[in-house]
């Protein structure tokens, strides 16, 4: 099992994740995907859409093994 370490402070991680979601990802995924999960790499902006956190992050890690994922539940303020 690979243990991934964050490369950014919590504040920078959240700032990047929120910015990418609001400016790039949200317009693409929000229509028709209410309640689904999107995992966004905060370094590249690439993302994976799925029905649960594990599927979304695993899909992102398959494409980007060193991804720094920010998780959003579409249409909600919090993931859980």
Protein backbone atom coordinates (compact mmCIF):
# COMPACT_ATOMS: atom_id res chain seq x y z
CA UNK A 1 0.00 0.00 0.00
CA UNK A 2 1.33 3.40 -1.00
CA UNK A 3 1.21 6.11 1.65
CA UNK A 4 0.83 9.53 0.05
CA UNK A 5 1.91 12.65 1.90
CA UNK A 6 0.38 16.09 1.39
CA UNK A 7 2.70 18.61 -0.24
CA UNK A 8 0.75 21.69 0.84
CA UNK A 9 -0.55 23.23 4.04
CA UNK A 10 -4.22 22.60 4.83
CA UNK A 11 -5.02 26.20 3.95
CA UNK A 12 -3.24 26.09 0.59
CA UNK A 13 -4.78 22.70 -0.19
CA UNK A 14 -8.29 24.06 0.48
CA UNK A 15 -7.63 27.30 -1.42
CA UNK A 16 -6.44 25.45 -4.51
CA UNK A 17 -9.17 22.83 -4.33
CA UNK A 18 -11.98 25.36 -3.94
CA UNK A 19 -10.62 27.57 -6.69
CA UNK A 20 -10.27 24.74 -9.22
CA UNK A 21 -13.70 23.35 -8.37
CA UNK A 22 -15.48 26.70 -8.67
CA UNK A 23 -13.65 28.00 -11.75
CA UNK A 24 -13.03 24.87 -13.84
CA UNK A 25 -14.82 21.74 -12.64
CA UNK A 26 -18.20 22.89 -11.30
CA UNK A 27 -19.54 24.20 -14.64
CA UNK A 28 -18.72 20.84 -16.25
CA UNK A 29 -20.05 18.45 -13.60
CA UNK A 30 -22.85 20.14 -11.67
CA UNK A 31 -25.70 19.67 -14.16
CA UNK A 32 -27.15 16.18 -13.66
CA UNK A 33 -24.66 14.99 -11.04
CA UNK A 34 -26.17 16.26 -7.76
CA UNK A 35 -24.84 14.25 -4.81
CA UNK A 36 -22.05 12.53 -6.73
CA UNK A 37 -18.39 12.82 -5.75
CA UNK A 38 -15.65 14.55 -7.70
CA UNK A 39 -11.96 14.07 -6.83
CA UNK A 40 -9.80 16.90 -8.19
CA UNK A 41 -6.00 16.92 -8.39
CA UNK A 42 -5.06 20.34 -6.99
CA UNK A 43 -1.86 20.45 -9.07
CA UNK A 44 -3.22 19.65 -12.54
CA UNK A 45 -6.97 20.31 -12.32
CA UNK A 46 -7.73 16.83 -13.65
CA UNK A 47 -10.69 15.19 -11.97
CA UNK A 48 -12.63 11.95 -11.59
CA UNK A 49 -16.40 11.75 -11.12
CA UNK A 50 -17.95 8.78 -9.26
CA UNK A 51 -20.72 7.76 -6.89
CA UNK A 52 -18.43 7.37 -3.87
CA UNK A 53 -15.15 8.74 -2.52
CA UNK A 54 -13.14 5.55 -2.95
CA UNK A 55 -14.09 5.11 -6.61
CA UNK A 56 -13.38 8.76 -7.40
CA UNK A 57 -9.96 8.84 -5.72
CA UNK A 58 -8.93 5.42 -7.06
CA UNK A 59 -9.85 6.52 -10.58
CA UNK A 60 -7.80 9.68 -10.18
CA UNK A 61 -4.80 7.76 -8.75
CA UNK A 62 -4.93 5.30 -11.68
CA UNK A 63 -4.31 8.19 -14.06
CA UNK A 64 -2.18 10.33 -11.74
CA UNK A 65 -0.32 8.23 -9.15
CA UNK A 66 1.03 11.36 -7.40
CA UNK A 67 -2.26 13.27 -7.36
CA UNK A 68 -3.16 15.52 -4.43
CA UNK A 69 -6.95 14.96 -4.39
CA UNK A 70 -9.51 17.49 -3.18
CA UNK A 71 -12.93 15.87 -2.69
CA UNK A 72 -16.28 17.58 -3.31
CA UNK A 73 -19.84 16.26 -3.12
CA UNK A 74 -21.60 18.05 -5.96
CA UNK A 75 -24.32 20.41 -4.78
CA UNK A 76 -23.37 20.12 -1.08
CA UNK A 77 -21.21 22.17 1.27
CA UNK A 78 -19.56 19.10 2.80
CA UNK A 79 -18.68 15.64 1.53
CA UNK A 80 -20.35 13.79 4.44
